[in-house]
C-alpha atoms as a PDB file:
ATOM      1  CA  UNK A   1      22.088  26.281 -41.958  1.00  0.00           C
ATOM      2  CA  UNK A   2      23.411  22.628 -42.402  1.00  0.00           C
ATOM      3  CA  UNK A   3      20.883  20.518 -40.432  1.00  0.00           C
ATOM      4  CA  UNK A   4      22.339  16.966 -39.640  1.00  0.00           C
ATOM      5  CA  UNK A   5      18.260  15.133 -40.105  1.00  0.00           C
ATOM      6  CA  UNK A   6      14.971  16.062 -41.194  1.00  0.00           C
ATOM      7  CA  UNK A   7      11.395  15.072 -39.665  1.00  0.00           C
ATOM      8  CA  UNK A   8       8.094  15.248 -41.630  1.00  0.00           C
ATOM      9  CA  UNK A   9       4.743  15.253 -39.972  1.00  0.00           C
ATOM     10  CA  UNK A  10       2.722  13.221 -42.803  1.00  0.00           C
ATOM     11  CA  UNK A  11      -0.947  14.528 -43.134  1.00  0.00           C
ATOM     12  CA  UNK A  12      -1.114  18.126 -44.374  1.00  0.00           C
ATOM     13  CA  UNK A  13       2.464  18.066 -44.502  1.00  0.00           C
ATOM     14  CA  UNK A  14       3.748  15.421 -47.419  1.00  0.00           C
ATOM     15  CA  UNK A  15       0.501  14.496 -48.591  1.00  0.00           C
ATOM     16  CA  UNK A  16      -3.250  16.276 -49.191  1.00  0.00           C
ATOM     17  CA  UNK A  17      -5.076  13.853 -46.971  1.00  0.00           C
ATOM     18  CA  UNK A  18      -6.382  16.779 -44.848  1.00  0.00           C
ATOM     19  CA  UNK A  19      -9.017  17.558 -47.921  1.00  0.00           C
ATOM     20  CA  UNK A  20     -10.568  14.130 -47.306  1.00  0.00           C
ATOM     21  CA  UNK A  21     -10.359  13.547 -43.832  1.00  0.00           C
ATOM     22  CA  UNK A  22     -13.258  16.178 -42.898  1.00  0.00           C
ATOM     23  CA  UNK A  23     -15.721  14.260 -45.032  1.00  0.00           C
ATOM     24  CA  UNK A  24     -14.515  10.893 -43.420  1.00  0.00           C
ATOM     25  CA  UNK A  25     -14.102  11.976 -40.323  1.00  0.00           C
ATOM     26  CA  UNK A  26     -17.587  13.540 -40.430  1.00  0.00           C
ATOM     27  CA  UNK A  27     -18.995  10.210 -41.671  1.00  0.00           C
ATOM     28  CA  UNK A  28     -17.329   8.259 -38.960  1.00  0.00           C
ATOM     29  CA  UNK A  29     -18.326  10.404 -36.085  1.00  0.00           C
ATOM     30  CA  UNK A  30     -22.038  10.277 -37.168  1.00  0.00           C
ATOM     31  CA  UNK A  31     -21.778   6.978 -36.412  1.00  0.00           C
ATOM     32  CA  UNK A  32     -21.260   7.749 -32.884  1.00  0.00           C
ATOM     33  CA  UNK A  33     -23.888  10.273 -32.976  1.00  0.00           C
ATOM     34  CA  UNK A  34     -21.195  13.292 -33.166  1.00  0.00           C
ATOM     35  CA  UNK A  35     -21.774  16.217 -35.537  1.00  0.00           C
ATOM     36  CA  UNK A  36     -18.086  17.467 -36.697  1.00  0.00           C
ATOM     37  CA  UNK A  37     -18.543  21.030 -36.691  1.00  0.00           C
ATOM     38  CA  UNK A  38     -15.859  23.484 -37.648  1.00  0.00           C
ATOM     39  CA  UNK A  39     -14.880  24.061 -33.936  1.00  0.00           C
ATOM     40  CA  UNK A  40     -14.449  20.420 -33.215  1.00  0.00           C
ATOM     41  CA  UNK A  41     -12.793  19.702 -36.845  1.00  0.00           C
ATOM     42  CA  UNK A  42      -9.796  22.119 -35.130  1.00  0.00           C
ATOM     43  CA  UNK A  43      -9.484  20.211 -32.287  1.00  0.00           C
ATOM     44  CA  UNK A  44      -9.061  16.839 -33.908  1.00  0.00           C
ATOM     45  CA  UNK A  45      -6.694  17.783 -36.257  1.00  0.00           C
ATOM     46  CA  UNK A  46      -3.198  16.513 -35.598  1.00  0.00           C
ATOM     47  CA  UNK A  47      -4.639  13.988 -32.650  1.00  0.00           C
ATOM     48  CA  UNK A  48      -4.239  10.376 -33.104  1.00  0.00           C
ATOM     49  CA  UNK A  49      -6.873   7.970 -32.467  1.00  0.00           C
ATOM     50  CA  UNK A  50      -6.369   7.206 -28.773  1.00  0.00           C
ATOM     51  CA  UNK A  51      -6.347  11.146 -28.286  1.00  0.00           C
ATOM     52  CA  UNK A  52      -9.438  11.619 -30.331  1.00  0.00           C
ATOM     53  CA  UNK A  53     -11.305   8.742 -28.658  1.00  0.00           C
ATOM     54  CA  UNK A  54     -10.564  10.375 -24.914  1.00  0.00           C
ATOM     55  CA  UNK A  55     -11.041  13.502 -25.585  1.00  0.00           C
ATOM     56  CA  UNK A  56     -13.511  13.951 -28.145  1.00  0.00           C
ATOM     57  CA  UNK A  57     -15.682  10.488 -28.277  1.00  0.00           C
ATOM     58  CA  UNK A  58     -15.882   9.026 -25.427  1.00  0.00           C
ATOM     59  CA  UNK A  59     -16.804  12.192 -23.489  1.00  0.00           C
ATOM     60  CA  UNK A  60     -19.843  12.210 -25.803  1.00  0.00           C
ATOM     61  CA  UNK A  61     -20.761   8.830 -25.989  1.00  0.00           C
ATOM     62  CA  UNK A  62     -19.521   7.034 -23.065  1.00  0.00           C
ATOM     63  CA  UNK A  63     -20.650   3.254 -23.931  1.00  0.00           C
ATOM     64  CA  UNK A  64     -18.207   2.868 -27.314  1.00  0.00           C
ATOM     65  CA  UNK A  65     -15.066   0.980 -26.800  1.00  0.00           C
ATOM     66  CA  UNK A  66     -11.847   2.280 -28.178  1.00  0.00           C
ATOM     67  CA  UNK A  67     -11.542  -1.003 -30.113  1.00  0.00           C
ATOM     68  CA  UNK A  68     -14.738  -0.255 -31.938  1.00  0.00           C
ATOM     69  CA  UNK A  69     -13.551   3.378 -32.651  1.00  0.00           C
ATOM     70  CA  UNK A  70     -10.253   2.306 -33.875  1.00  0.00           C
ATOM     71  CA  UNK A  71     -11.602  -0.290 -36.147  1.00  0.00           C
ATOM     72  CA  UNK A  72     -14.454   2.223 -37.634  1.00  0.00           C
ATOM     73  CA  UNK A  73     -11.385   4.797 -38.215  1.00  0.00           C
ATOM     74  CA  UNK A  74      -8.652   2.302 -39.422  1.00  0.00           C
ATOM     75  CA  UNK A  75     -11.348   1.116 -42.101  1.00  0.00           C
ATOM     76  CA  UNK A  76     -12.070   4.520 -43.390  1.00  0.00           C
ATOM     77  CA  UNK A  77      -8.764   5.561 -43.660  1.00  0.00           C
ATOM     78  CA  UNK A  78      -7.469   3.234 -45.762  1.00  0.00           C
ATOM     79  CA  UNK A  79      -9.326   4.748 -48.850  1.00  0.00           C
ATOM     80  CA  UNK A  80      -7.333   7.835 -48.159  1.00  0.00           C
ATOM     81  CA  UNK A  81      -4.122   6.530 -47.951  1.00  0.00           C
ATOM     82  CA  UNK A  82      -4.646   3.842 -50.791  1.00  0.00           C
ATOM     83  CA  UNK A  83      -6.814   6.071 -53.313  1.00  0.00           C
ATOM     84  CA  UNK A  84      -7.588   9.485 -52.361  1.00  0.00           C
ATOM     85  CA  UNK A  85      -4.540  11.144 -50.978  1.00  0.00           C
ATOM     86  CA  UNK A  86      -1.676  12.814 -53.482  1.00  0.00           C
ATOM     87  CA  UNK A  87       1.966  14.112 -52.228  1.00  0.00           C
ATOM     88  CA  UNK A  88       1.425  17.853 -51.995  1.00  0.00           C
ATOM     89  CA  UNK A  89       3.324  19.383 -55.332  1.00  0.00           C
ATOM     90  CA  UNK A  90       7.309  19.895 -54.502  1.00  0.00           C
ATOM     91  CA  UNK A  91       7.229  17.384 -51.907  1.00  0.00           C
ATOM     92  CA  UNK A  92       9.166  14.664 -53.685  1.00  0.00           C
ATOM     93  CA  UNK A  93      11.421  17.214 -55.122  1.00  0.00           C
ATOM     94  CA  UNK A  94      12.424  18.466 -51.716  1.00  0.00           C
ATOM     95  CA  UNK A  95      12.643  14.787 -50.442  1.00  0.00           C
ATOM     96  CA  UNK A  96      14.925  13.909 -53.284  1.00  0.00           C
ATOM     97  CA  UNK A  97      17.337  16.966 -52.934  1.00  0.00           C
ATOM     98  CA  UNK A  98      17.799  16.299 -49.090  1.00  0.00           C
ATOM     99  CA  UNK A  99      18.189  12.619 -50.128  1.00  0.00           C
ATOM    100  CA  UNK A 100      21.009  13.655 -52.516  1.00  0.00           C
ATOM    101  CA  UNK A 101      22.750  15.757 -50.111  1.00  0.00           C
ATOM    102  CA  UNK A 102      22.934  12.944 -47.779  1.00  0.00           C
ATOM    103  CA  UNK A 103      20.474  14.213 -44.900  1.00  0.00           C
ATOM    104  CA  UNK A 104      18.364  11.556 -43.293  1.00  0.00           C
ATOM    105  CA  UNK A 105      14.940  11.363 -42.731  1.00  0.00           C
ATOM    106  CA  UNK A 106      12.025  10.301 -41.099  1.00  0.00           C
ATOM    107  CA  UNK A 107       8.162  10.799 -40.523  1.00  0.00           C
ATOM    108  CA  UNK A 108       6.519  11.567 -37.104  1.00  0.00           C
ATOM    109  CA  UNK A 109       2.907  11.071 -37.232  1.00  0.00           C
ATOM    110  CA  UNK A 110      -0.029  10.129 -35.344  1.00  0.00           C
ATOM    111  CA  UNK A 111      -1.387   8.099 -37.686  1.00  0.00           C
ATOM    112  CA  UNK A 112      -0.831   4.349 -37.404  1.00  0.00           C
ATOM    113  CA  UNK A 113       2.111   2.700 -38.771  1.00  0.00           C
ATOM    114  CA  UNK A 114       0.052   0.607 -41.163  1.00  0.00           C
ATOM    115  CA  UNK A 115      -1.260   4.187 -43.057  1.00  0.00           C
ATOM    116  CA  UNK A 116       2.539   5.732 -42.758  1.00  0.00           C
ATOM    117  CA  UNK A 117       3.977   2.553 -44.760  1.00  0.00           C
ATOM    118  CA  UNK A 118       0.968   2.479 -47.077  1.00  0.00           C
ATOM    119  CA  UNK A 119       2.166   6.355 -48.042  1.00  0.00           C
ATOM    120  CA  UNK A 120       5.604   5.304 -48.243  1.00  0.00           C
ATOM    121  CA  UNK A 121       4.948   2.619 -50.533  1.00  0.00           C
ATOM    122  CA  UNK A 122       2.540   3.859 -52.626  1.00  0.00           C
ATOM    123  CA  UNK A 123       4.752   6.838 -53.367  1.00  0.00           C
ATOM    124  CA  UNK A 124       8.176   4.876 -53.416  1.00  0.00           C
ATOM    125  CA  UNK A 125       9.526   7.043 -50.523  1.00  0.00           C
ATOM    126  CA  UNK A 126      10.907   4.038 -48.548  1.00  0.00           C
ATOM    127  CA  UNK A 127      14.262   4.040 -49.655  1.00  0.00           C
ATOM    128  CA  UNK A 128      14.760   7.699 -49.199  1.00  0.00           C
ATOM    129  CA  UNK A 129      12.666   7.804 -45.674  1.00  0.00           C
ATOM    130  CA  UNK A 130      13.508   4.729 -44.027  1.00  0.00           C
ATOM    131  CA  UNK A 131      12.462   5.752 -40.647  1.00  0.00           C
ATOM    132  CA  UNK A 132       8.972   6.373 -39.249  1.00  0.00           C
ATOM    133  CA  UNK A 133       7.286   6.740 -36.040  1.00  0.00           C
ATOM    134  CA  UNK A 134       3.777   6.508 -34.593  1.00  0.00           C
ATOM    135  CA  UNK A 135       2.449   7.807 -31.305  1.00  0.00           C
ATOM    136  CA  UNK A 136      -0.657   5.875 -32.116  1.00  0.00           C
ATOM    137  CA  UNK A 137       1.477   2.530 -32.591  1.00  0.00           C
ATOM    138  CA  UNK A 138       4.187   3.019 -30.157  1.00  0.00           C
ATOM    139  CA  UNK A 139       1.799   4.075 -27.787  1.00  0.00           C
ATOM    140  CA  UNK A 140       3.607   7.658 -27.147  1.00  0.00           C
ATOM    141  CA  UNK A 141       1.681  10.503 -26.110  1.00  0.00           C
ATOM    142  CA  UNK A 142      -0.050  12.147 -29.294  1.00  0.00           C
ATOM    143  CA  UNK A 143       0.977  15.749 -30.393  1.00  0.00           C
ATOM    144  CA  UNK A 144       1.078  18.533 -29.253  1.00  0.00           C
ATOM    145  CA  UNK A 145       3.290  16.476 -26.631  1.00  0.00           C
ATOM    146  CA  UNK A 146       6.784  16.199 -28.512  1.00  0.00           C
ATOM    147  CA  UNK A 147       7.119  12.485 -27.670  1.00  0.00           C
ATOM    148  CA  UNK A 148       7.246  11.088 -31.198  1.00  0.00           C
ATOM    149  CA  UNK A 149       9.860  13.585 -32.076  1.00  0.00           C
ATOM    150  CA  UNK A 150      11.886  13.047 -29.185  1.00  0.00           C
ATOM    151  CA  UNK A 151      11.834   9.326 -30.062  1.00  0.00           C
ATOM    152  CA  UNK A 152      13.193  10.184 -33.504  1.00  0.00           C
ATOM    153  CA  UNK A 153      16.001  12.777 -32.560  1.00  0.00           C
ATOM    154  CA  UNK A 154      17.396  10.245 -30.696  1.00  0.00           C
ATOM    155  CA  UNK A 155      17.619   7.488 -33.071  1.00  0.00           C
ATOM    156  CA  UNK A 156      19.973  10.105 -34.770  1.00  0.00           C
ATOM    157  CA  UNK A 157      22.122  10.981 -31.924  1.00  0.00           C
ATOM    158  CA  UNK A 158      21.971  14.571 -32.566  1.00  0.00           C
ATOM    159  CA  UNK A 159      20.972  17.862 -30.798  1.00  0.00           C
ATOM    160  CA  UNK A 160      17.480  19.202 -31.213  1.00  0.00           C
ATOM    161  CA  UNK A 161      18.743  22.326 -32.467  1.00  0.00           C
ATOM    162  CA  UNK A 162      20.344  20.068 -35.589  1.00  0.00           C
ATOM    163  CA  UNK A 163      17.129  19.021 -36.595  1.00  0.00           C
ATOM    164  CA  UNK A 164      14.590  20.498 -38.573  1.00  0.00           C
ATOM    165  CA  UNK A 165      10.609  19.277 -38.562  1.00  0.00           C
ATOM    166  CA  UNK A 166       8.031  20.155 -40.955  1.00  0.00           C
ATOM    167  CA  UNK A 167       4.405  20.301 -39.679  1.00  0.00           C
ATOM    168  CA  UNK A 168       1.103  21.941 -40.667  1.00  0.00           C
ATOM    169  CA  UNK A 169      -1.462  22.155 -37.363  1.00  0.00           C
ATOM    170  CA  UNK A 170      -1.449  23.836 -34.049  1.00  0.00           C
ATOM    171  CA  UNK A 171      -0.925  20.466 -32.318  1.00  0.00           C
ATOM    172  CA  UNK A 172       1.784  19.201 -34.422  1.00  0.00           C
ATOM    173  CA  UNK A 173       3.893  22.795 -34.557  1.00  0.00           C
ATOM    174  CA  UNK A 174       3.635  22.839 -30.631  1.00  0.00           C
ATOM    175  CA  UNK A 175       5.231  19.465 -30.458  1.00  0.00           C
ATOM    176  CA  UNK A 176       7.810  20.005 -32.876  1.00  0.00           C
ATOM    177  CA  UNK A 177       8.870  23.177 -30.973  1.00  0.00           C
ATOM    178  CA  UNK A 178       8.793  22.052 -27.676  1.00  0.00           C
ATOM    179  CA  UNK A 179      11.082  19.293 -29.028  1.00  0.00           C
ATOM    180  CA  UNK A 180      13.795  22.275 -29.356  1.00  0.00           C
ATOM    181  CA  UNK A 181      14.120  21.621 -32.991  1.00  0.00           C
ATOM    182  CA  UNK A 182      13.751  24.315 -36.034  1.00  0.00           C
ATOM    183  CA  UNK A 183      10.353  24.227 -36.729  1.00  0.00           C
ATOM    184  CA  UNK A 184       8.755  25.020 -40.496  1.00  0.00           C
ATOM    185  CA  UNK A 185       5.295  25.240 -41.217  1.00  0.00           C
ATOM    186  CA  UNK A 186       3.651  24.049 -44.581  1.00  0.00           C
ATOM    187  CA  UNK A 187       0.691  25.735 -45.441  1.00  0.00           C
ATOM    188  CA  UNK A 188      -1.389  24.811 -48.012  1.00  0.00           C
ATOM    189  CA  UNK A 189      -4.400  27.077 -49.011  1.00  0.00           C
ATOM    190  CA  UNK A 190      -6.824  24.138 -49.189  1.00  0.00           C
ATOM    191  CA  UNK A 191      -7.412  23.780 -45.616  1.00  0.00           C
ATOM    192  CA  UNK A 192      -7.298  25.222 -42.245  1.00  0.00           C
ATOM    193  CA  UNK A 193      -4.304  24.966 -40.529  1.00  0.00           C
ATOM    194  CA  UNK A 194      -5.293  26.432 -37.227  1.00  0.00           C
ATOM    195  CA  UNK A 195      -2.725  29.176 -35.224  1.00  0.00           C
ATOM    196  CA  UNK A 196       0.494  28.469 -36.803  1.00  0.00           C
ATOM    197  CA  UNK A 197       2.302  31.630 -35.282  1.00  0.00           C
ATOM    198  CA  UNK A 198       4.472  29.543 -33.120  1.00  0.00           C
ATOM    199  CA  UNK A 199       6.565  28.316 -36.770  1.00  0.00           C
ATOM    200  CA  UNK A 200       9.970  29.576 -36.922  1.00  0.00           C
ATOM    201  CA  UNK A 201       9.494  29.488 -40.772  1.00  0.00           C
ATOM    202  CA  UNK A 202       6.268  29.108 -42.669  1.00  0.00           C
ATOM    203  CA  UNK A 203       5.906  28.246 -46.717  1.00  0.00           C
ATOM    204  CA  UNK A 204       3.269  28.054 -48.854  1.00  0.00           C
ATOM    205  CA  UNK A 205       4.615  25.568 -51.163  1.00  0.00           C
ATOM    206  CA  UNK A 206       7.580  23.025 -51.229  1.00  0.00           C
ATOM    207  CA  UNK A 207       9.192  24.676 -54.100  1.00  0.00           C
ATOM    208  CA  UNK A 208       9.651  27.743 -52.123  1.00  0.00           C
ATOM    209  CA  UNK A 209      13.353  28.864 -52.660  1.00  0.00           C
ATOM    210  CA  UNK A 210      14.164  30.318 -49.493  1.00  0.00           C
ATOM    211  CA  UNK A 211      13.446  26.682 -47.980  1.00  0.00           C
ATOM    212  CA  UNK A 212      16.135  25.457 -50.306  1.00  0.00           C
ATOM    213  CA  UNK A 213      18.551  28.210 -49.529  1.00  0.00           C
ATOM    214  CA  UNK A 214      17.797  27.660 -45.761  1.00  0.00           C
ATOM    215  CA  UNK A 215      18.441  23.890 -45.925  1.00  0.00           C
ATOM    216  CA  UNK A 216      21.360  24.293 -47.986  1.00  0.00           C
ATOM    217  CA  UNK A 217      20.268  22.767 -51.020  1.00  0.00           C
END
């Protein structure tokens, strides 16, 4: 099918930040007196910092201010985006192929704008992916609410079924599906993605030739 726009989630979809997040988040939560169990890790995956604070942190430690929590997460995440994370294998090749075919691309993420822009600049993606939207920075409801994807779809002036969205988490896939777009799950075996049964297509690598055929590349 010939899609008119592509939207990417960032963490765990374009970059391998998820393999670093568990250790980073465990250390941050430990400051707040909270243990990051596997069950809790599943609940936080795909959430922005506001939702993590409201759903996970404040009920367990109501004396912590959001401002303090945000600062702790922001400082901890800089290491991931500036140094540790890498593009998933084949992601650049797929982005370049989409760009060569003139298909507009954007990023819809729970991470703050600062982190998204660090990644776009570090991996030289700014020209190919000129648009990004952050639920955290725009004050939009976090995933699984589809607000961030609906926001981006409106900027393209296309119908949702003309857009394909790449995601990797249960919350993200639910948001993508609720937007009315075609949803593709990118499933890296190095971390747990939760329930991905809602996805229209599942791939384990960006180099999947079935993906290229589906996108008309």
